[in-house]
Amino acid sequence: MANSKQTSKAVASKASKILRDGRYSSNSKSVAASALSQTKKGK
């Protein structure tokens, strides 16, 4: 069964900031990337 839940815009924005910030660990960036991969695709 596929996961139909999507990451909210607020969470996606924070995840994007984490990925661009060099102060976060690779584990934090991995979680952020996972959250971004679950966002609704734009046009």
PDB file of N, CA and C in Angstrom:
ATOM      1  N   MET A   1       0.840  -1.173   0.000  1.00  0.00           N
ATOM      2  CA  MET A   1       0.000   0.000   0.000  1.00  0.00           C
ATOM      3  C   MET A   1       0.889   1.241   0.000  1.00  0.00           C
ATOM      4  N   ALA A   2       0.634   2.162  -0.885  1.00  0.00           N
ATOM      5  CA  ALA A   2       1.444   3.363  -1.020  1.00  0.00           C
ATOM      6  C   ALA A   2       1.054   4.397   0.027  1.00  0.00           C
ATOM      7  N   ASN A   3       2.017   5.206   0.410  1.00  0.00           N
ATOM      8  CA  ASN A   3       1.770   6.293   1.347  1.00  0.00           C
ATOM      9  C   ASN A   3       1.205   7.470   0.575  1.00  0.00           C
ATOM     10  N   SER A   4      -0.006   7.909   0.935  1.00  0.00           N
ATOM     11  CA  SER A   4      -0.646   8.996   0.204  1.00  0.00           C
ATOM     12  C   SER A   4      -0.477  10.349   0.886  1.00  0.00           C
ATOM     13  N   LYS A   5       0.251  10.401   1.994  1.00  0.00           N
ATOM     14  CA  LYS A   5       0.435  11.658   2.715  1.00  0.00           C
ATOM     15  C   LYS A   5       1.476  12.522   2.015  1.00  0.00           C
ATOM     16  N   GLN A   6       1.288  13.831   2.125  1.00  0.00           N
ATOM     17  CA  GLN A   6       2.195  14.786   1.503  1.00  0.00           C
ATOM     18  C   GLN A   6       2.788  15.697   2.569  1.00  0.00           C
ATOM     19  N   THR A   7       4.003  16.167   2.331  1.00  0.00           N
ATOM     20  CA  THR A   7       4.645  17.119   3.220  1.00  0.00           C
ATOM     21  C   THR A   7       4.038  18.498   2.994  1.00  0.00           C
ATOM     22  N   SER A   8       3.739  19.215   4.077  1.00  0.00           N
ATOM     23  CA  SER A   8       3.143  20.547   3.964  1.00  0.00           C
ATOM     24  C   SER A   8       4.163  21.542   3.412  1.00  0.00           C
ATOM     25  N   LYS A   9       3.651  22.677   2.936  1.00  0.00           N
ATOM     26  CA  LYS A   9       4.535  23.710   2.392  1.00  0.00           C
ATOM     27  C   LYS A   9       5.473  24.254   3.463  1.00  0.00           C
ATOM     28  N   ALA A  10       4.970  24.399   4.696  1.00  0.00           N
ATOM     29  CA  ALA A  10       5.805  24.927   5.784  1.00  0.00           C
ATOM     30  C   ALA A  10       6.968  23.994   6.085  1.00  0.00           C
ATOM     31  N   VAL A  11       6.695  22.698   6.137  1.00  0.00           N
ATOM     32  CA  VAL A  11       7.751  21.716   6.415  1.00  0.00           C
ATOM     33  C   VAL A  11       8.727  21.657   5.246  1.00  0.00           C
ATOM     34  N   ALA A  12       8.219  21.727   4.032  1.00  0.00           N
ATOM     35  CA  ALA A  12       9.086  21.697   2.849  1.00  0.00           C
ATOM     36  C   ALA A  12      10.019  22.905   2.834  1.00  0.00           C
ATOM     37  N   SER A  13       9.509  24.060   3.250  1.00  0.00           N
ATOM     38  CA  SER A  13      10.334  25.265   3.291  1.00  0.00           C
ATOM     39  C   SER A  13      11.457  25.117   4.309  1.00  0.00           C
ATOM     40  N   LYS A  14      11.143  24.586   5.483  1.00  0.00           N
ATOM     41  CA  LYS A  14      12.165  24.383   6.509  1.00  0.00           C
ATOM     42  C   LYS A  14      13.188  23.342   6.064  1.00  0.00           C
ATOM     43  N   ALA A  15      12.710  22.290   5.400  1.00  0.00           N
ATOM     44  CA  ALA A  15      13.617  21.253   4.912  1.00  0.00           C
ATOM     45  C   ALA A  15      14.585  21.825   3.881  1.00  0.00           C
ATOM     46  N   SER A  16      14.076  22.700   3.027  1.00  0.00           N
ATOM     47  CA  SER A  16      14.921  23.340   2.021  1.00  0.00           C
ATOM     48  C   SER A  16      16.011  24.179   2.677  1.00  0.00           C
ATOM     49  N   LYS A  17      15.653  24.906   3.736  1.00  0.00           N
ATOM     50  CA  LYS A  17      16.634  25.726   4.446  1.00  0.00           C
ATOM     51  C   LYS A  17      17.700  24.856   5.097  1.00  0.00           C
ATOM     52  N   ILE A  18      17.304  23.712   5.632  1.00  0.00           N
ATOM     53  CA  ILE A  18      18.254  22.793   6.262  1.00  0.00           C
ATOM     54  C   ILE A  18      19.260  22.281   5.224  1.00  0.00           C
ATOM     55  N   LEU A  19      18.767  21.936   4.049  1.00  0.00           N
ATOM     56  CA  LEU A  19      19.652  21.403   3.016  1.00  0.00           C
ATOM     57  C   LEU A  19      20.667  22.445   2.538  1.00  0.00           C
ATOM     58  N   ARG A  20      20.288  23.717   2.562  1.00  0.00           N
ATOM     59  CA  ARG A  20      21.192  24.772   2.095  1.00  0.00           C
ATOM     60  C   ARG A  20      22.151  25.259   3.173  1.00  0.00           C
ATOM     61  N   ASP A  21      21.885  24.920   4.429  1.00  0.00           N
ATOM     62  CA  ASP A  21      22.689  25.407   5.550  1.00  0.00           C
ATOM     63  C   ASP A  21      23.779  24.387   5.895  1.00  0.00           C
ATOM     64  N   GLY A  22      25.010  24.816   5.891  1.00  0.00           N
ATOM     65  CA  GLY A  22      26.134  23.926   6.147  1.00  0.00           C
ATOM     66  C   GLY A  22      26.303  23.512   7.606  1.00  0.00           C
ATOM     67  N   ARG A  23      25.529  24.100   8.509  1.00  0.00           N
ATOM     68  CA  ARG A  23      25.686  23.798   9.938  1.00  0.00           C
ATOM     69  C   ARG A  23      24.997  22.506  10.357  1.00  0.00           C
ATOM     70  N   TYR A  24      24.130  21.951   9.511  1.00  0.00           N
ATOM     71  CA  TYR A  24      23.376  20.755   9.883  1.00  0.00           C
ATOM     72  C   TYR A  24      24.146  19.492   9.516  1.00  0.00           C
ATOM     73  N   SER A  25      23.908  18.431  10.286  1.00  0.00           N
ATOM     74  CA  SER A  25      24.589  17.155  10.059  1.00  0.00           C
ATOM     75  C   SER A  25      24.029  16.451   8.828  1.00  0.00           C
ATOM     76  N   SER A  26      24.742  15.449   8.378  1.00  0.00           N
ATOM     77  CA  SER A  26      24.279  14.685   7.219  1.00  0.00           C
ATOM     78  C   SER A  26      22.986  13.942   7.544  1.00  0.00           C
ATOM     79  N   ASN A  27      22.810  13.535   8.804  1.00  0.00           N
ATOM     80  CA  ASN A  27      21.557  12.871   9.179  1.00  0.00           C
ATOM     81  C   ASN A  27      20.383  13.833   9.071  1.00  0.00           C
ATOM     82  N   SER A  28      20.565  15.064   9.515  1.00  0.00           N
ATOM     83  CA  SER A  28      19.509  16.074   9.420  1.00  0.00           C
ATOM     84  C   SER A  28      19.168  16.344   7.962  1.00  0.00           C
ATOM     85  N   LYS A  29      20.200  16.421   7.135  1.00  0.00           N
ATOM     86  CA  LYS A  29      19.967  16.680   5.715  1.00  0.00           C
ATOM     87  C   LYS A  29      19.272  15.500   5.043  1.00  0.00           C
ATOM     88  N   SER A  30      19.552  14.303   5.493  1.00  0.00           N
ATOM     89  CA  SER A  30      18.892  13.120   4.946  1.00  0.00           C
ATOM     90  C   SER A  30      17.394  13.142   5.254  1.00  0.00           C
ATOM     91  N   VAL A  31      17.053  13.516   6.487  1.00  0.00           N
ATOM     92  CA  VAL A  31      15.640  13.610   6.872  1.00  0.00           C
ATOM     93  C   VAL A  31      14.959  14.722   6.087  1.00  0.00           C
ATOM     94  N   ALA A  32      15.641  15.849   5.922  1.00  0.00           N
ATOM     95  CA  ALA A  32      15.077  16.964   5.165  1.00  0.00           C
ATOM     96  C   ALA A  32      14.842  16.574   3.709  1.00  0.00           C
ATOM     97  N   ALA A  33      15.780  15.865   3.126  1.00  0.00           N
ATOM     98  CA  ALA A  33      15.629  15.416   1.736  1.00  0.00           C
ATOM     99  C   ALA A  33      14.464  14.450   1.598  1.00  0.00           C
ATOM    100  N   SER A  34      14.298  13.592   2.590  1.00  0.00           N
ATOM    101  CA  SER A  34      13.175  12.661   2.575  1.00  0.00           C
ATOM    102  C   SER A  34      11.851  13.415   2.616  1.00  0.00           C
ATOM    103  N   ALA A  35      11.785  14.441   3.460  1.00  0.00           N
ATOM    104  CA  ALA A  35      10.565  15.247   3.557  1.00  0.00           C
ATOM    105  C   ALA A  35      10.282  15.939   2.221  1.00  0.00           C
ATOM    106  N   LEU A  36      11.316  16.473   1.590  1.00  0.00           N
ATOM    107  CA  LEU A  36      11.118  17.148   0.301  1.00  0.00           C
ATOM    108  C   LEU A  36      10.688  16.174  -0.790  1.00  0.00           C
ATOM    109  N   SER A  37      11.139  14.956  -0.703  1.00  0.00           N
ATOM    110  CA  SER A  37      10.768  13.979  -1.732  1.00  0.00           C
ATOM    111  C   SER A  37       9.297  13.593  -1.631  1.00  0.00           C
ATOM    112  N   GLN A  38       8.666  13.916  -0.508  1.00  0.00           N
ATOM    113  CA  GLN A  38       7.252  13.589  -0.314  1.00  0.00           C
ATOM    114  C   GLN A  38       6.332  14.778  -0.556  1.00  0.00           C
ATOM    115  N   THR A  39       6.883  15.873  -1.105  1.00  0.00           N
ATOM    116  CA  THR A  39       6.049  17.037  -1.390  1.00  0.00           C
ATOM    117  C   THR A  39       5.298  16.840  -2.693  1.00  0.00           C
ATOM    118  N   LYS A  40       4.221  17.559  -2.828  1.00  0.00           N
ATOM    119  CA  LYS A  40       3.437  17.507  -4.061  1.00  0.00           C
ATOM    120  C   LYS A  40       4.240  18.162  -5.174  1.00  0.00           C
ATOM    121  N   LYS A  41       4.283  17.536  -6.294  1.00  0.00           N
ATOM    122  CA  LYS A  41       5.056  18.059  -7.423  1.00  0.00           C
ATOM    123  C   LYS A  41       4.357  19.274  -8.036  1.00  0.00           C
ATOM    124  N   GLY A  42       5.130  20.343  -8.272  1.00  0.00           N
ATOM    125  CA  GLY A  42       4.591  21.554  -8.883  1.00  0.00           C
ATOM    126  C   GLY A  42       4.594  21.453 -10.392  1.00  0.00           C
ATOM    127  N   LYS A  43       4.044  22.476 -11.042  1.00  0.00           N
ATOM    128  CA  LYS A  43       3.993  22.506 -12.507  1.00  0.00           C
ATOM    129  C   LYS A  43       5.309  22.943 -13.092  1.00  0.00           C
TER     130      LYS A  43
END
